[in-house]
Amino acid sequence: MEKTVKVGLVQMTCTKDKNENITKALLKTREAAAKGANIVCLQELFTSLYFCDVEDYENFKLAEPIADGMGTTSQFQNLAKELGIVVIASLFEKRAEGLYHNTTAIIDADGSYLGKYRKNHIPDDPGYYEKFYFTPGDTGYQVFKTKFGTIGVLICWDQWYPEGARITALMGAELLFYPTAIGWALHQEAEVNQDQYNAWQTIQRSHSVANGVPVISVNRVGEEGEMKFWGGSFVINAFGKILYQASHDKEEVHVQEISLTQSDYYRTHWPFLRDRRIDTYQPILKRYLSE
């Protein structure tokens, strides 16, 4: 029997006002639910501007504890329970004094807090000074058993690493979600912009093909400082087919129905998991292999 789920993507702009951003995200999550979404994913760090474009100690004040019944998590728990939806909420976590993570809270359709995933891969690049703010994750790769399916959640820079997607899929994820904040430098050439976007989408399509699972990537949009976030949020089926792609410059709330039974079909006809030679993969644990 065909099993499907409707996923909602919220692609939006942000401002300096944290409460304003949270209110907007709550309203747009409600909009996605009204369109039939069972699972709603918000973009990376949606409660603020993307503050990692500078190294500024004041930005640590944006962080908050992420736990059952606390702060922003609590607001989305209440909304999830009211609407009967699963919510994936990416937040700036204050774990302890002087200890911070880039973290996503996962909330089930009854409002229960299922847990968190802390971003493992932390970039450091002009415009993306995340190592200044975030400690690498220590939750390990995880899956979350929700009312509407078993989901894996990774965050932004994790997108570029096949290992995280593979491990999460092997743990039983039926869907992979990537809350994201990525963009173009404002004065970059159009051809370079297109190449970067294509690479970003291609690597995630490869996760879908290699693992036989749908992939949902939700990016922010709008100009912030010297960065134009490229939006382009998308949904991919279990064999890399693009089912939906958002614009590069508009706020969008989209709901896409996805088949969860196609994974068995694709994994049967393209048996990559069957043919994995796990006995040959030990070298991947090394940083680099010299001749």
C-alpha atoms as a PDB file:
ATOM      1  CA  MET A   1       0.000   0.000   0.000  1.00  0.00           C
ATOM      2  CA  GLU A   2       1.274   3.452  -0.917  1.00  0.00           C
ATOM      3  CA  LYS A   3       2.495   5.465   2.066  1.00  0.00           C
ATOM      4  CA  THR A   4       2.863   9.208   1.610  1.00  0.00           C
ATOM      5  CA  VAL A   5       3.626  12.234   3.727  1.00  0.00           C
ATOM      6  CA  LYS A   6       3.162  15.939   3.045  1.00  0.00           C
ATOM      7  CA  VAL A   7       6.170  18.077   3.927  1.00  0.00           C
ATOM      8  CA  GLY A   8       6.034  21.842   4.356  1.00  0.00           C
ATOM      9  CA  LEU A   9       8.971  24.126   3.569  1.00  0.00           C
ATOM     10  CA  VAL A  10       9.160  27.628   5.017  1.00  0.00           C
ATOM     11  CA  GLN A  11      11.596  29.833   3.087  1.00  0.00           C
ATOM     12  CA  MET A  12      11.654  33.344   4.556  1.00  0.00           C
ATOM     13  CA  THR A  13      13.592  36.530   5.200  1.00  0.00           C
ATOM     14  CA  CYS A  14      14.685  37.550   8.697  1.00  0.00           C
ATOM     15  CA  THR A  15      15.236  40.825  10.555  1.00  0.00           C
ATOM     16  CA  LYS A  16      17.211  41.995  13.607  1.00  0.00           C
ATOM     17  CA  ASP A  17      14.115  41.519  15.785  1.00  0.00           C
ATOM     18  CA  LYS A  18      14.126  37.993  17.212  1.00  0.00           C
ATOM     19  CA  ASN A  19      10.505  38.103  18.347  1.00  0.00           C
ATOM     20  CA  GLU A  20       9.414  39.336  14.919  1.00  0.00           C
ATOM     21  CA  ASN A  21      11.188  36.416  13.247  1.00  0.00           C
ATOM     22  CA  ILE A  22       9.660  33.880  15.616  1.00  0.00           C
ATOM     23  CA  THR A  23       6.182  35.325  15.086  1.00  0.00           C
ATOM     24  CA  LYS A  24       6.646  35.139  11.309  1.00  0.00           C
ATOM     25  CA  ALA A  25       7.890  31.549  11.512  1.00  0.00           C
ATOM     26  CA  LEU A  26       4.904  30.553  13.649  1.00  0.00           C
ATOM     27  CA  LEU A  27       2.498  32.151  11.163  1.00  0.00           C
ATOM     28  CA  LYS A  28       4.150  30.529   8.168  1.00  0.00           C
ATOM     29  CA  THR A  29       4.202  27.154   9.913  1.00  0.00           C
ATOM     30  CA  ARG A  30       0.480  27.590  10.480  1.00  0.00           C
ATOM     31  CA  GLU A  31       0.110  28.451   6.778  1.00  0.00           C
ATOM     32  CA  ALA A  32       1.932  25.249   5.783  1.00  0.00           C
ATOM     33  CA  ALA A  33      -0.358  23.214   8.036  1.00  0.00           C
ATOM     34  CA  ALA A  34      -3.404  24.859   6.446  1.00  0.00           C
ATOM     35  CA  LYS A  35      -2.076  23.664   3.086  1.00  0.00           C
ATOM     36  CA  GLY A  36      -1.986  20.108   4.419  1.00  0.00           C
ATOM     37  CA  ALA A  37       1.568  19.703   5.702  1.00  0.00           C
ATOM     38  CA  ASN A  38       2.241  16.838   8.118  1.00  0.00           C
ATOM     39  CA  ILE A  39       5.886  17.816   8.741  1.00  0.00           C
ATOM     40  CA  VAL A  40       7.106  21.428   8.578  1.00  0.00           C
ATOM     41  CA  CYS A  41      10.797  22.283   8.320  1.00  0.00           C
ATOM     42  CA  LEU A  42      12.108  25.787   9.002  1.00  0.00           C
ATOM     43  CA  GLN A  43      15.386  27.192   7.714  1.00  0.00           C
ATOM     44  CA  GLU A  44      18.625  27.278   9.698  1.00  0.00           C
ATOM     45  CA  LEU A  45      18.750  29.831  12.549  1.00  0.00           C
ATOM     46  CA  PHE A  46      15.414  31.391  11.605  1.00  0.00           C
ATOM     47  CA  THR A  47      15.056  33.444  14.810  1.00  0.00           C
ATOM     48  CA  SER A  48      17.690  35.970  13.704  1.00  0.00           C
ATOM     49  CA  LEU A  49      19.705  37.358  10.867  1.00  0.00           C
ATOM     50  CA  TYR A  50      22.583  35.086   9.899  1.00  0.00           C
ATOM     51  CA  PHE A  51      24.924  36.541  12.514  1.00  0.00           C
ATOM     52  CA  CYS A  52      27.915  34.350  11.650  1.00  0.00           C
ATOM     53  CA  ASP A  53      28.990  36.802   8.935  1.00  0.00           C
ATOM     54  CA  VAL A  54      30.933  38.631  11.669  1.00  0.00           C
ATOM     55  CA  GLU A  55      32.743  37.706  14.876  1.00  0.00           C
ATOM     56  CA  ASP A  56      30.867  39.685  17.523  1.00  0.00           C
ATOM     57  CA  TYR A  57      30.483  38.670  21.172  1.00  0.00           C
ATOM     58  CA  GLU A  58      27.137  40.469  21.343  1.00  0.00           C
ATOM     59  CA  ASN A  59      25.629  37.821  19.094  1.00  0.00           C
ATOM     60  CA  PHE A  60      25.916  35.192  21.815  1.00  0.00           C
ATOM     61  CA  LYS A  61      22.967  36.942  23.453  1.00  0.00           C
ATOM     62  CA  LEU A  62      20.766  35.496  20.696  1.00  0.00           C
ATOM     63  CA  ALA A  63      21.269  31.959  22.022  1.00  0.00           C
ATOM     64  CA  GLU A  64      18.833  30.122  24.282  1.00  0.00           C
ATOM     65  CA  PRO A  65      18.465  26.726  25.956  1.00  0.00           C
ATOM     66  CA  ILE A  66      16.769  24.110  23.800  1.00  0.00           C
ATOM     67  CA  ALA A  67      14.771  21.695  25.891  1.00  0.00           C
ATOM     68  CA  ASP A  68      11.277  20.427  26.545  1.00  0.00           C
ATOM     69  CA  GLY A  69       8.962  23.300  27.499  1.00  0.00           C
ATOM     70  CA  MET A  70      11.560  26.070  27.193  1.00  0.00           C
ATOM     71  CA  GLY A  71      11.742  29.275  25.128  1.00  0.00           C
ATOM     72  CA  THR A  72      11.190  29.065  21.387  1.00  0.00           C
ATOM     73  CA  THR A  73      10.987  25.279  21.592  1.00  0.00           C
ATOM     74  CA  SER A  74       7.945  25.623  23.836  1.00  0.00           C
ATOM     75  CA  GLN A  75       6.163  27.931  21.387  1.00  0.00           C
ATOM     76  CA  PHE A  76       6.546  25.426  18.576  1.00  0.00           C
ATOM     77  CA  GLN A  77       5.535  22.557  20.851  1.00  0.00           C
ATOM     78  CA  ASN A  78       2.262  24.346  21.529  1.00  0.00           C
ATOM     79  CA  LEU A  79       1.732  25.010  17.827  1.00  0.00           C
ATOM     80  CA  ALA A  80       2.588  21.438  16.808  1.00  0.00           C
ATOM     81  CA  LYS A  81       0.085  20.073  19.327  1.00  0.00           C
ATOM     82  CA  GLU A  82      -2.636  22.477  18.205  1.00  0.00           C
ATOM     83  CA  LEU A  83      -2.164  21.684  14.504  1.00  0.00           C
ATOM     84  CA  GLY A  84      -1.204  18.017  14.786  1.00  0.00           C
ATOM     85  CA  ILE A  85       2.035  18.458  12.831  1.00  0.00           C
ATOM     86  CA  VAL A  86       5.711  17.616  13.230  1.00  0.00           C
ATOM     87  CA  VAL A  87       8.025  20.650  13.411  1.00  0.00           C
ATOM     88  CA  ILE A  88      11.762  20.836  12.689  1.00  0.00           C
ATOM     89  CA  ALA A  89      13.089  24.034  14.298  1.00  0.00           C
ATOM     90  CA  SER A  90      16.708  25.164  13.890  1.00  0.00           C
ATOM     91  CA  LEU A  91      17.912  27.274  16.842  1.00  0.00           C
ATOM     92  CA  PHE A  92      21.042  28.808  18.385  1.00  0.00           C
ATOM     93  CA  GLU A  93      21.550  26.732  21.515  1.00  0.00           C
ATOM     94  CA  LYS A  94      23.087  27.932  24.748  1.00  0.00           C
ATOM     95  CA  ARG A  95      24.049  24.663  26.402  1.00  0.00           C
ATOM     96  CA  ALA A  96      25.955  26.164  29.317  1.00  0.00           C
ATOM     97  CA  GLU A  97      27.867  29.333  30.130  1.00  0.00           C
ATOM     98  CA  GLY A  98      30.288  29.816  27.230  1.00  0.00           C
ATOM     99  CA  LEU A  99      29.154  26.644  25.403  1.00  0.00           C
ATOM    100  CA  TYR A 100      27.010  27.015  22.285  1.00  0.00           C
ATOM    101  CA  HIS A 101      25.762  24.829  19.454  1.00  0.00           C
ATOM    102  CA  ASN A 102      23.946  25.112  16.145  1.00  0.00           C
ATOM    103  CA  THR A 103      21.039  22.831  16.991  1.00  0.00           C
ATOM    104  CA  THR A 104      17.720  21.612  15.626  1.00  0.00           C
ATOM    105  CA  ALA A 105      14.802  20.661  17.868  1.00  0.00           C
ATOM    106  CA  ILE A 106      12.392  17.991  16.641  1.00  0.00           C
ATOM    107  CA  ILE A 107       8.803  18.177  17.875  1.00  0.00           C
ATOM    108  CA  ASP A 108       6.193  15.470  17.282  1.00  0.00           C
ATOM    109  CA  ALA A 109       2.580  15.996  16.231  1.00  0.00           C
ATOM    110  CA  ASP A 110       1.307  15.780  19.814  1.00  0.00           C
ATOM    111  CA  GLY A 111       3.653  18.578  20.878  1.00  0.00           C
ATOM    112  CA  SER A 112       6.139  16.257  22.542  1.00  0.00           C
ATOM    113  CA  TYR A 113       9.821  17.144  22.321  1.00  0.00           C
ATOM    114  CA  LEU A 114      11.611  14.221  20.662  1.00  0.00           C
ATOM    115  CA  GLY A 115      15.125  15.568  21.046  1.00  0.00           C
ATOM    116  CA  LYS A 116      17.792  17.581  19.273  1.00  0.00           C
ATOM    117  CA  TYR A 117      20.501  17.229  16.673  1.00  0.00           C
ATOM    118  CA  ARG A 118      23.639  19.349  17.028  1.00  0.00           C
ATOM    119  CA  LYS A 119      25.405  20.300  13.806  1.00  0.00           C
ATOM    120  CA  ASN A 120      28.518  18.192  13.337  1.00  0.00           C
ATOM    121  CA  HIS A 121      30.344  19.977  10.525  1.00  0.00           C
ATOM    122  CA  ILE A 122      31.133  23.590  11.398  1.00  0.00           C
ATOM    123  CA  PRO A 123      32.434  25.839   8.573  1.00  0.00           C
ATOM    124  CA  ASP A 124      34.865  28.712   8.779  1.00  0.00           C
ATOM    125  CA  ASP A 125      34.972  30.855   5.680  1.00  0.00           C
ATOM    126  CA  PRO A 126      34.654  34.552   4.778  1.00  0.00           C
ATOM    127  CA  GLY A 127      31.058  35.345   5.653  1.00  0.00           C
ATOM    128  CA  TYR A 128      30.580  32.093   7.578  1.00  0.00           C
ATOM    129  CA  TYR A 129      32.548  32.388  10.818  1.00  0.00           C
ATOM    130  CA  GLU A 130      30.682  29.586  12.549  1.00  0.00           C
ATOM    131  CA  LYS A 131      33.658  28.196  14.443  1.00  0.00           C
ATOM    132  CA  PHE A 132      33.676  31.417  16.466  1.00  0.00           C
ATOM    133  CA  TYR A 133      30.180  30.618  17.773  1.00  0.00           C
ATOM    134  CA  PHE A 134      29.500  26.892  17.609  1.00  0.00           C
ATOM    135  CA  THR A 135      31.029  23.860  19.280  1.00  0.00           C
ATOM    136  CA  PRO A 136      30.860  20.807  16.984  1.00  0.00           C
ATOM    137  CA  GLY A 137      27.932  18.544  17.735  1.00  0.00           C
ATOM    138  CA  ASP A 138      28.179  15.626  20.135  1.00  0.00           C
ATOM    139  CA  THR A 139      24.723  14.092  19.738  1.00  0.00           C
ATOM    140  CA  GLY A 140      25.919  11.811  16.957  1.00  0.00           C
ATOM    141  CA  TYR A 141      23.786  11.210  13.901  1.00  0.00           C
ATOM    142  CA  GLN A 142      20.213  10.493  14.848  1.00  0.00           C
ATOM    143  CA  VAL A 143      16.789   9.548  13.587  1.00  0.00           C
ATOM    144  CA  PHE A 144      13.499  10.575  15.154  1.00  0.00           C
ATOM    145  CA  LYS A 145      10.385   8.410  15.056  1.00  0.00           C
ATOM    146  CA  THR A 146       7.525  10.833  14.464  1.00  0.00           C
ATOM    147  CA  LYS A 147       3.820  10.261  13.875  1.00  0.00           C
ATOM    148  CA  PHE A 148       4.331  10.642  10.125  1.00  0.00           C
ATOM    149  CA  GLY A 149       7.574   8.749   9.637  1.00  0.00           C
ATOM    150  CA  THR A 150      11.146   8.274  10.781  1.00  0.00           C
ATOM    151  CA  ILE A 151      13.162  11.355   9.909  1.00  0.00           C
ATOM    152  CA  GLY A 152      16.832  12.221   9.856  1.00  0.00           C
ATOM    153  CA  VAL A 153      17.878  15.827  10.411  1.00  0.00           C
ATOM    154  CA  LEU A 154      21.251  17.315   9.463  1.00  0.00           C
ATOM    155  CA  ILE A 155      22.184  21.000   9.195  1.00  0.00           C
ATOM    156  CA  CYS A 156      23.611  23.094   6.335  1.00  0.00           C
ATOM    157  CA  TRP A 157      27.376  22.364   6.082  1.00  0.00           C
ATOM    158  CA  ASP A 158      26.546  18.723   6.870  1.00  0.00           C
ATOM    159  CA  GLN A 159      25.024  18.710   3.360  1.00  0.00           C
ATOM    160  CA  TRP A 160      28.398  18.425   1.682  1.00  0.00           C
ATOM    161  CA  TYR A 161      29.409  15.210   3.458  1.00  0.00           C
ATOM    162  CA  PRO A 162      28.070  11.872   2.182  1.00  0.00           C
ATOM    163  CA  GLU A 163      29.017  10.146   5.429  1.00  0.00           C
ATOM    164  CA  GLY A 164      26.370  11.932   7.519  1.00  0.00           C
ATOM    165  CA  ALA A 165      23.614  11.188   5.023  1.00  0.00           C
ATOM    166  CA  ARG A 166      24.705   7.543   4.734  1.00  0.00           C
ATOM    167  CA  ILE A 167      24.850   6.946   8.476  1.00  0.00           C
ATOM    168  CA  THR A 168      21.477   8.602   9.040  1.00  0.00           C
ATOM    169  CA  ALA A 169      19.907   6.543   6.256  1.00  0.00           C
ATOM    170  CA  LEU A 170      21.423   3.346   7.647  1.00  0.00           C
ATOM    171  CA  MET A 171      19.816   4.189  10.993  1.00  0.00           C
ATOM    172  CA  GLY A 172      16.419   3.948   9.309  1.00  0.00           C
ATOM    173  CA  ALA A 173      15.608   7.509   8.217  1.00  0.00           C
ATOM    174  CA  GLU A 174      12.766   7.568   5.700  1.00  0.00           C
ATOM    175  CA  LEU A 175      13.359  11.258   4.936  1.00  0.00           C
ATOM    176  CA  LEU A 176      16.426  13.490   5.237  1.00  0.00           C
ATOM    177  CA  PHE A 177      15.901  17.153   6.182  1.00  0.00           C
ATOM    178  CA  TYR A 178      18.534  19.887   5.875  1.00  0.00           C
ATOM    179  CA  PRO A 179      17.726  23.287   7.442  1.00  0.00           C
ATOM    180  CA  THR A 180      20.137  25.645   5.695  1.00  0.00           C
ATOM    181  CA  ALA A 181      21.547  29.178   5.459  1.00  0.00           C
ATOM    182  CA  ILE A 182      23.690  29.578   2.362  1.00  0.00           C
ATOM    183  CA  GLY A 183      24.097  32.378  -0.131  1.00  0.00           C
ATOM    184  CA  TRP A 184      26.104  34.304  -2.676  1.00  0.00           C
ATOM    185  CA  ALA A 185      28.427  37.234  -2.104  1.00  0.00           C
ATOM    186  CA  LEU A 186      26.566  40.284  -3.452  1.00  0.00           C
ATOM    187  CA  HIS A 187      29.199  41.192  -6.035  1.00  0.00           C
ATOM    188  CA  GLN A 188      29.838  37.686  -7.334  1.00  0.00           C
ATOM    189  CA  GLU A 189      29.442  36.887 -11.032  1.00  0.00           C
ATOM    190  CA  ALA A 190      26.203  35.242 -12.142  1.00  0.00           C
ATOM    191  CA  GLU A 191      28.004  32.222 -13.605  1.00  0.00           C
ATOM    192  CA  VAL A 192      29.796  31.563 -10.316  1.00  0.00           C
ATOM    193  CA  ASN A 193      26.494  31.895  -8.477  1.00  0.00           C
ATOM    194  CA  GLN A 194      24.849  29.320 -10.720  1.00  0.00           C
ATOM    195  CA  ASP A 195      27.785  26.918 -10.416  1.00  0.00           C
ATOM    196  CA  GLN A 196      27.631  27.119  -6.630  1.00  0.00           C
ATOM    197  CA  TYR A 197      23.888  26.557  -6.480  1.00  0.00           C
ATOM    198  CA  ASN A 198      24.117  23.627  -8.900  1.00  0.00           C
ATOM    199  CA  ALA A 199      26.868  22.006  -6.829  1.00  0.00           C
ATOM    200  CA  TRP A 200      24.831  22.486  -3.639  1.00  0.00           C
ATOM    201  CA  GLN A 201      21.765  20.853  -5.132  1.00  0.00           C
ATOM    202  CA  THR A 202      23.739  18.106  -6.896  1.00  0.00           C
ATOM    203  CA  ILE A 203      25.486  16.888  -3.754  1.00  0.00           C
ATOM    204  CA  GLN A 204      22.151  16.564  -2.011  1.00  0.00           C
ATOM    205  CA  ARG A 205      20.580  14.786  -4.974  1.00  0.00           C
ATOM    206  CA  SER A 206      23.454  12.332  -4.712  1.00  0.00           C
ATOM    207  CA  HIS A 207      22.534  11.619  -1.085  1.00  0.00           C
ATOM    208  CA  SER A 208      19.057  10.714  -2.297  1.00  0.00           C
ATOM    209  CA  VAL A 209      20.318   8.416  -5.064  1.00  0.00           C
ATOM    210  CA  ALA A 210      22.997   6.707  -2.971  1.00  0.00           C
ATOM    211  CA  ASN A 211      20.662   6.032  -0.053  1.00  0.00           C
ATOM    212  CA  GLY A 212      17.266   5.683  -1.697  1.00  0.00           C
ATOM    213  CA  VAL A 213      15.576   8.316   0.477  1.00  0.00           C
ATOM    214  CA  PRO A 214      13.849  11.635  -0.248  1.00  0.00           C
ATOM    215  CA  VAL A 215      15.766  14.791   0.674  1.00  0.00           C
ATOM    216  CA  ILE A 216      14.244  18.108   1.757  1.00  0.00           C
ATOM    217  CA  SER A 217      16.446  21.199   1.939  1.00  0.00           C
ATOM    218  CA  VAL A 218      15.109  24.489   3.323  1.00  0.00           C
ATOM    219  CA  ASN A 219      17.179  27.654   2.831  1.00  0.00           C
ATOM    220  CA  ARG A 220      16.660  31.283   3.824  1.00  0.00           C
ATOM    221  CA  VAL A 221      16.241  34.136   1.362  1.00  0.00           C
ATOM    222  CA  GLY A 222      16.997  37.868   1.303  1.00  0.00           C
ATOM    223  CA  GLU A 223      20.003  40.190   1.484  1.00  0.00           C
ATOM    224  CA  GLU A 224      21.887  40.405   4.778  1.00  0.00           C
ATOM    225  CA  GLY A 225      25.059  42.477   4.883  1.00  0.00           C
ATOM    226  CA  GLU A 226      27.233  41.410   1.952  1.00  0.00           C
ATOM    227  CA  MET A 227      25.325  38.180   1.415  1.00  0.00           C
ATOM    228  CA  LYS A 228      22.324  37.345  -0.762  1.00  0.00           C
ATOM    229  CA  PHE A 229      20.870  34.109   0.530  1.00  0.00           C
ATOM    230  CA  TRP A 230      19.923  32.120  -2.514  1.00  0.00           C
ATOM    231  CA  GLY A 231      16.729  30.412  -1.329  1.00  0.00           C
ATOM    232  CA  GLY A 232      16.107  27.669  -3.879  1.00  0.00           C
ATOM    233  CA  SER A 233      14.698  25.312  -1.234  1.00  0.00           C
ATOM    234  CA  PHE A 234      13.793  21.992  -2.798  1.00  0.00           C
ATOM    235  CA  VAL A 235      12.279  18.523  -2.419  1.00  0.00           C
ATOM    236  CA  ILE A 236      13.823  15.450  -4.038  1.00  0.00           C
ATOM    237  CA  ASN A 237      12.286  11.982  -4.292  1.00  0.00           C
ATOM    238  CA  ALA A 238      14.081   8.748  -3.376  1.00  0.00           C
ATOM    239  CA  PHE A 239      15.998   8.646  -6.670  1.00  0.00           C
ATOM    240  CA  GLY A 240      17.194  12.211  -7.023  1.00  0.00           C
ATOM    241  CA  LYS A 241      14.241  13.595  -8.992  1.00  0.00           C
ATOM    242  CA  ILE A 242      13.445  17.233  -8.191  1.00  0.00           C
ATOM    243  CA  LEU A 243       9.786  17.435  -7.189  1.00  0.00           C
ATOM    244  CA  TYR A 244       9.840  21.096  -6.232  1.00  0.00           C
ATOM    245  CA  GLN A 245      12.279  24.007  -6.239  1.00  0.00           C
ATOM    246  CA  ALA A 246      11.605  27.434  -4.727  1.00  0.00           C
ATOM    247  CA  SER A 247      12.671  30.765  -6.186  1.00  0.00           C
ATOM    248  CA  HIS A 248      15.964  32.431  -5.321  1.00  0.00           C
ATOM    249  CA  ASP A 249      14.492  35.719  -4.131  1.00  0.00           C
ATOM    250  CA  LYS A 250      11.001  35.256  -2.654  1.00  0.00           C
ATOM    251  CA  GLU A 251       9.522  34.060   0.603  1.00  0.00           C
ATOM    252  CA  GLU A 252       7.626  30.843  -0.018  1.00  0.00           C
ATOM    253  CA  VAL A 253       5.566  28.328   1.909  1.00  0.00           C
ATOM    254  CA  HIS A 254       5.228  25.116  -0.077  1.00  0.00           C
ATOM    255  CA  VAL A 255       3.735  21.728   0.741  1.00  0.00           C
ATOM    256  CA  GLN A 256       4.890  18.699  -1.235  1.00  0.00           C
ATOM    257  CA  GLU A 257       3.520  15.165  -1.055  1.00  0.00           C
ATOM    258  CA  ILE A 258       6.263  12.544  -0.989  1.00  0.00           C
ATOM    259  CA  SER A 259       6.054   8.768  -1.355  1.00  0.00           C
ATOM    260  CA  LEU A 260       7.740   6.778   1.393  1.00  0.00           C
ATOM    261  CA  THR A 261       7.168   3.431  -0.354  1.00  0.00           C
ATOM    262  CA  GLN A 262       9.313   4.372  -3.379  1.00  0.00           C
ATOM    263  CA  SER A 263      12.435   3.820  -1.305  1.00  0.00           C
ATOM    264  CA  ASP A 264      11.849   0.058  -1.367  1.00  0.00           C
ATOM    265  CA  TYR A 265      11.368   0.134  -5.137  1.00  0.00           C
ATOM    266  CA  TYR A 266      14.532   2.094  -5.822  1.00  0.00           C
ATOM    267  CA  ARG A 267      16.634   0.182  -3.315  1.00  0.00           C
ATOM    268  CA  THR A 268      15.472  -3.092  -4.867  1.00  0.00           C
ATOM    269  CA  HIS A 269      16.203  -2.072  -8.451  1.00  0.00           C
ATOM    270  CA  TRP A 270      19.374  -0.152  -7.596  1.00  0.00           C
ATOM    271  CA  PRO A 271      20.739  -2.261  -4.697  1.00  0.00           C
ATOM    272  CA  PHE A 272      23.492   0.037  -3.488  1.00  0.00           C
ATOM    273  CA  LEU A 273      22.923  -0.934   0.149  1.00  0.00           C
ATOM    274  CA  ARG A 274      23.128  -4.638  -0.720  1.00  0.00           C
ATOM    275  CA  ASP A 275      26.432  -4.246  -2.524  1.00  0.00           C
ATOM    276  CA  ARG A 276      28.238  -2.088   0.010  1.00  0.00           C
ATOM    277  CA  ARG A 277      31.684  -3.544   0.790  1.00  0.00           C
ATOM    278  CA  ILE A 278      31.851  -2.498   4.417  1.00  0.00           C
ATOM    279  CA  ASP A 279      34.953  -4.641   4.907  1.00  0.00           C
ATOM    280  CA  THR A 280      36.890  -2.285   2.586  1.00  0.00           C
ATOM    281  CA  TYR A 281      35.954   1.070   4.112  1.00  0.00           C
ATOM    282  CA  GLN A 282      38.345   1.281   7.080  1.00  0.00           C
ATOM    283  CA  PRO A 283      40.666   3.787   5.338  1.00  0.00           C
ATOM    284  CA  ILE A 284      37.925   6.421   5.362  1.00  0.00           C
ATOM    285  CA  LEU A 285      38.554   6.886   9.081  1.00  0.00           C
ATOM    286  CA  LYS A 286      41.917   8.509   8.292  1.00  0.00           C
ATOM    287  CA  ARG A 287      42.212  12.248   7.582  1.00  0.00           C
ATOM    288  CA  TYR A 288      44.189  11.666   4.379  1.00  0.00           C
ATOM    289  CA  LEU A 289      45.782   8.700   2.624  1.00  0.00           C
ATOM    290  CA  SER A 290      49.253   9.249   1.215  1.00  0.00           C
ATOM    291  CA  GLU A 291      50.643   7.107  -1.559  1.00  0.00           C
END
